[in-house]
Amino acid sequence: MKLVTLLGFAAAAISTSGFLPQVTKGFVTRKMDDVALWQPILLTTGMTLWLIYGVLLAEMPIIIANSIAIAFNLIIIGQKLAYSVK
């Protein structure tokens, strides 16, 4: 595997893992009042465009990172909607 590809996977792992604390906090506390709904929606939109870009270039680090990050953000959106209902 090329060094540049390893660099891409390392960057992808670090960047994508940044969403995990919020997802975990949501499941543990069942509260998402401190999360604005527009933020994960905006991120999901941008990441979907990055995913399409990665697919068109056949770049696995971009594809994998954005697929996982989209899933995390969809979970955050679902948590926000479910836990904010009163």
N, C-alpha and C. Protein backbone atom coordinates (compact mmCIF):
# COMPACT_ATOMS: atom_id res chain seq x y z
N MET A 1 0.86 -1.17 0.00
CA MET A 1 0.00 0.00 0.00
C MET A 1 0.91 1.24 0.00
N LYS A 2 0.53 2.21 -0.79
CA LYS A 2 1.32 3.44 -0.89
C LYS A 2 1.23 4.25 0.39
N LEU A 3 2.28 5.01 0.66
CA LEU A 3 2.33 5.86 1.84
C LEU A 3 1.21 6.89 1.82
N VAL A 4 0.91 7.44 0.65
CA VAL A 4 -0.15 8.45 0.55
C VAL A 4 -1.52 7.84 0.90
N THR A 5 -1.73 6.59 0.56
CA THR A 5 -2.98 5.91 0.90
C THR A 5 -3.05 5.67 2.40
N LEU A 6 -1.95 5.26 3.01
CA LEU A 6 -1.91 5.09 4.46
C LEU A 6 -2.18 6.40 5.17
N LEU A 7 -1.62 7.48 4.65
CA LEU A 7 -1.87 8.80 5.20
C LEU A 7 -3.36 9.14 5.12
N GLY A 8 -3.97 8.82 4.00
CA GLY A 8 -5.40 9.05 3.82
C GLY A 8 -6.24 8.25 4.81
N PHE A 9 -5.88 7.00 5.02
CA PHE A 9 -6.62 6.18 5.99
C PHE A 9 -6.42 6.69 7.42
N ALA A 10 -5.22 7.14 7.74
CA ALA A 10 -4.96 7.70 9.08
C ALA A 10 -5.79 8.96 9.30
N ALA A 11 -5.79 9.84 8.31
CA ALA A 11 -6.58 11.07 8.41
C ALA A 11 -8.07 10.74 8.52
N ALA A 12 -8.52 9.77 7.76
CA ALA A 12 -9.92 9.35 7.79
C ALA A 12 -10.30 8.81 9.16
N ALA A 13 -9.46 7.98 9.73
CA ALA A 13 -9.76 7.39 11.04
C ALA A 13 -9.84 8.45 12.13
N ILE A 14 -8.89 9.37 12.11
CA ILE A 14 -8.87 10.42 13.13
C ILE A 14 -10.06 11.36 12.97
N SER A 15 -10.32 11.81 11.76
CA SER A 15 -11.43 12.74 11.52
C SER A 15 -12.78 12.12 11.83
N THR A 16 -12.97 10.90 11.38
CA THR A 16 -14.26 10.24 11.57
C THR A 16 -14.52 9.91 13.03
N SER A 17 -13.47 9.57 13.77
CA SER A 17 -13.65 9.23 15.18
C SER A 17 -14.11 10.43 16.01
N GLY A 18 -13.98 11.63 15.48
CA GLY A 18 -14.42 12.82 16.19
C GLY A 18 -15.93 12.86 16.43
N PHE A 19 -16.70 12.10 15.67
CA PHE A 19 -18.15 12.08 15.86
C PHE A 19 -18.58 11.07 16.93
N LEU A 20 -17.73 10.12 17.23
CA LEU A 20 -18.09 9.05 18.16
C LEU A 20 -18.44 9.54 19.57
N PRO A 21 -17.73 10.52 20.14
CA PRO A 21 -18.14 10.99 21.48
C PRO A 21 -19.56 11.55 21.53
N GLN A 22 -19.97 12.26 20.49
CA GLN A 22 -21.32 12.82 20.47
C GLN A 22 -22.37 11.72 20.35
N VAL A 23 -22.09 10.73 19.51
CA VAL A 23 -23.01 9.61 19.35
C VAL A 23 -23.14 8.87 20.68
N THR A 24 -22.02 8.59 21.31
CA THR A 24 -22.01 7.88 22.59
C THR A 24 -22.75 8.68 23.67
N LYS A 25 -22.46 9.97 23.74
CA LYS A 25 -23.12 10.83 24.73
C LYS A 25 -24.63 10.82 24.53
N GLY A 26 -25.07 10.86 23.29
CA GLY A 26 -26.50 10.84 23.01
C GLY A 26 -27.17 9.57 23.50
N PHE A 27 -26.53 8.43 23.27
CA PHE A 27 -27.10 7.16 23.72
C PHE A 27 -27.10 7.06 25.25
N VAL A 28 -26.06 7.56 25.88
CA VAL A 28 -25.95 7.46 27.34
C VAL A 28 -26.92 8.41 28.05
N THR A 29 -26.96 9.67 27.62
CA THR A 29 -27.74 10.68 28.34
C THR A 29 -29.17 10.81 27.83
N ARG A 30 -29.42 10.35 26.59
CA ARG A 30 -30.72 10.52 25.96
C ARG A 30 -31.12 11.99 25.89
N LYS A 31 -30.12 12.86 25.82
CA LYS A 31 -30.37 14.30 25.69
C LYS A 31 -29.52 14.83 24.55
N MET A 32 -30.14 15.63 23.70
CA MET A 32 -29.42 16.24 22.58
C MET A 32 -29.75 17.72 22.49
N ASP A 33 -30.13 18.31 23.61
CA ASP A 33 -30.53 19.72 23.63
C ASP A 33 -29.40 20.65 23.22
N ASP A 34 -28.16 20.23 23.47
CA ASP A 34 -27.01 21.08 23.16
C ASP A 34 -26.53 20.93 21.72
N VAL A 35 -27.21 20.14 20.92
CA VAL A 35 -26.84 19.95 19.52
C VAL A 35 -27.87 20.66 18.63
N ALA A 36 -27.39 21.53 17.76
CA ALA A 36 -28.26 22.19 16.80
C ALA A 36 -28.53 21.21 15.64
N LEU A 37 -29.77 21.07 15.25
CA LEU A 37 -30.13 20.12 14.20
C LEU A 37 -29.46 20.45 12.86
N TRP A 38 -29.30 21.73 12.57
CA TRP A 38 -28.75 22.12 11.27
C TRP A 38 -27.30 21.66 11.10
N GLN A 39 -26.56 21.55 12.19
CA GLN A 39 -25.13 21.21 12.09
C GLN A 39 -24.90 19.82 11.52
N PRO A 40 -25.50 18.73 12.05
CA PRO A 40 -25.28 17.43 11.44
C PRO A 40 -25.92 17.31 10.05
N ILE A 41 -26.99 18.07 9.81
CA ILE A 41 -27.59 18.05 8.47
C ILE A 41 -26.62 18.66 7.46
N LEU A 42 -26.04 19.78 7.82
CA LEU A 42 -25.07 20.44 6.94
C LEU A 42 -23.85 19.56 6.71
N LEU A 43 -23.34 18.96 7.78
CA LEU A 43 -22.19 18.06 7.65
C LEU A 43 -22.51 16.85 6.78
N THR A 44 -23.69 16.28 6.96
CA THR A 44 -24.09 15.11 6.16
C THR A 44 -24.17 15.48 4.69
N THR A 45 -24.68 16.65 4.39
CA THR A 45 -24.75 17.11 3.00
C THR A 45 -23.36 17.23 2.39
N GLY A 46 -22.46 17.88 3.11
CA GLY A 46 -21.09 18.03 2.63
C GLY A 46 -20.38 16.69 2.48
N MET A 47 -20.56 15.81 3.45
CA MET A 47 -19.91 14.50 3.40
C MET A 47 -20.46 13.63 2.28
N THR A 48 -21.73 13.81 1.96
CA THR A 48 -22.31 13.08 0.83
C THR A 48 -21.65 13.53 -0.47
N LEU A 49 -21.40 14.82 -0.59
CA LEU A 49 -20.69 15.31 -1.78
C LEU A 49 -19.26 14.77 -1.82
N TRP A 50 -18.59 14.73 -0.66
CA TRP A 50 -17.24 14.14 -0.59
C TRP A 50 -17.28 12.66 -0.94
N LEU A 51 -18.32 11.96 -0.50
CA LEU A 51 -18.46 10.54 -0.83
C LEU A 51 -18.59 10.35 -2.34
N ILE A 52 -19.41 11.14 -2.96
CA ILE A 52 -19.57 11.07 -4.42
C ILE A 52 -18.24 11.35 -5.10
N TYR A 53 -17.54 12.37 -4.64
CA TYR A 53 -16.22 12.71 -5.17
C TYR A 53 -15.26 11.52 -5.02
N GLY A 54 -15.25 10.91 -3.85
CA GLY A 54 -14.39 9.76 -3.61
C GLY A 54 -14.72 8.58 -4.51
N VAL A 55 -16.02 8.35 -4.71
CA VAL A 55 -16.44 7.26 -5.60
C VAL A 55 -15.98 7.53 -7.03
N LEU A 56 -16.16 8.76 -7.48
CA LEU A 56 -15.75 9.11 -8.84
C LEU A 56 -14.25 8.96 -9.05
N LEU A 57 -13.47 9.21 -8.00
CA LEU A 57 -12.01 9.05 -8.09
C LEU A 57 -11.54 7.66 -7.66
N ALA A 58 -12.46 6.84 -7.15
CA ALA A 58 -12.15 5.51 -6.64
C ALA A 58 -11.08 5.57 -5.55
N GLU A 59 -11.24 6.52 -4.63
CA GLU A 59 -10.30 6.70 -3.51
C GLU A 59 -10.91 6.12 -2.24
N MET A 60 -10.43 4.96 -1.84
CA MET A 60 -11.01 4.26 -0.70
C MET A 60 -10.96 5.03 0.62
N PRO A 61 -9.89 5.75 0.94
CA PRO A 61 -9.92 6.50 2.20
C PRO A 61 -11.07 7.51 2.25
N ILE A 62 -11.33 8.19 1.14
CA ILE A 62 -12.42 9.16 1.08
C ILE A 62 -13.77 8.46 1.18
N ILE A 63 -13.90 7.35 0.48
CA ILE A 63 -15.16 6.61 0.47
C ILE A 63 -15.48 6.06 1.86
N ILE A 64 -14.52 5.41 2.48
CA ILE A 64 -14.75 4.79 3.78
C ILE A 64 -15.00 5.85 4.86
N ALA A 65 -14.15 6.87 4.91
CA ALA A 65 -14.29 7.91 5.94
C ALA A 65 -15.64 8.59 5.85
N ASN A 66 -16.04 8.97 4.67
CA ASN A 66 -17.30 9.70 4.53
C ASN A 66 -18.51 8.80 4.71
N SER A 67 -18.41 7.54 4.34
CA SER A 67 -19.52 6.61 4.59
C SER A 67 -19.76 6.45 6.08
N ILE A 68 -18.69 6.27 6.84
CA ILE A 68 -18.82 6.12 8.29
C ILE A 68 -19.29 7.42 8.94
N ALA A 69 -18.71 8.53 8.50
CA ALA A 69 -19.10 9.83 9.07
C ALA A 69 -20.56 10.16 8.76
N ILE A 70 -21.02 9.82 7.58
CA ILE A 70 -22.44 10.02 7.24
C ILE A 70 -23.31 9.18 8.17
N ALA A 71 -22.92 7.94 8.40
CA ALA A 71 -23.70 7.08 9.30
C ALA A 71 -23.74 7.68 10.70
N PHE A 72 -22.60 8.15 11.22
CA PHE A 72 -22.57 8.77 12.54
C PHE A 72 -23.48 10.00 12.58
N ASN A 73 -23.43 10.82 11.56
CA ASN A 73 -24.26 12.03 11.54
C ASN A 73 -25.74 11.71 11.41
N LEU A 74 -26.07 10.67 10.68
CA LEU A 74 -27.48 10.25 10.61
C LEU A 74 -27.96 9.76 11.97
N ILE A 75 -27.08 9.09 12.71
CA ILE A 75 -27.43 8.67 14.07
C ILE A 75 -27.66 9.90 14.95
N ILE A 76 -26.77 10.89 14.83
CA ILE A 76 -26.92 12.12 15.61
C ILE A 76 -28.23 12.82 15.27
N ILE A 77 -28.58 12.89 13.99
CA ILE A 77 -29.84 13.50 13.57
C ILE A 77 -31.02 12.71 14.16
N GLY A 78 -30.95 11.39 14.09
CA GLY A 78 -32.00 10.56 14.66
C GLY A 78 -32.12 10.75 16.17
N GLN A 79 -30.98 10.84 16.86
CA GLN A 79 -31.00 11.08 18.29
C GLN A 79 -31.63 12.44 18.60
N LYS A 80 -31.23 13.45 17.85
CA LYS A 80 -31.76 14.80 18.06
C LYS A 80 -33.27 14.79 17.91
N LEU A 81 -33.76 14.16 16.87
CA LEU A 81 -35.20 14.13 16.63
C LEU A 81 -35.93 13.30 17.69
N ALA A 82 -35.37 12.17 18.06
CA ALA A 82 -36.03 11.28 19.02
C ALA A 82 -35.98 11.81 20.44
N TYR A 83 -34.85 12.35 20.85
CA TYR A 83 -34.68 12.75 22.24
C TYR A 83 -35.17 14.17 22.52
N SER A 84 -35.44 14.94 21.48
CA SER A 84 -35.92 16.30 21.67
C SER A 84 -37.43 16.39 21.68
N VAL A 85 -38.11 15.32 21.36
CA VAL A 85 -39.57 15.29 21.35
C VAL A 85 -40.06 15.34 22.79
N LYS A 86 -40.97 16.29 23.05
CA LYS A 86 -41.46 16.43 24.43
C LYS A 86 -42.94 16.21 24.48
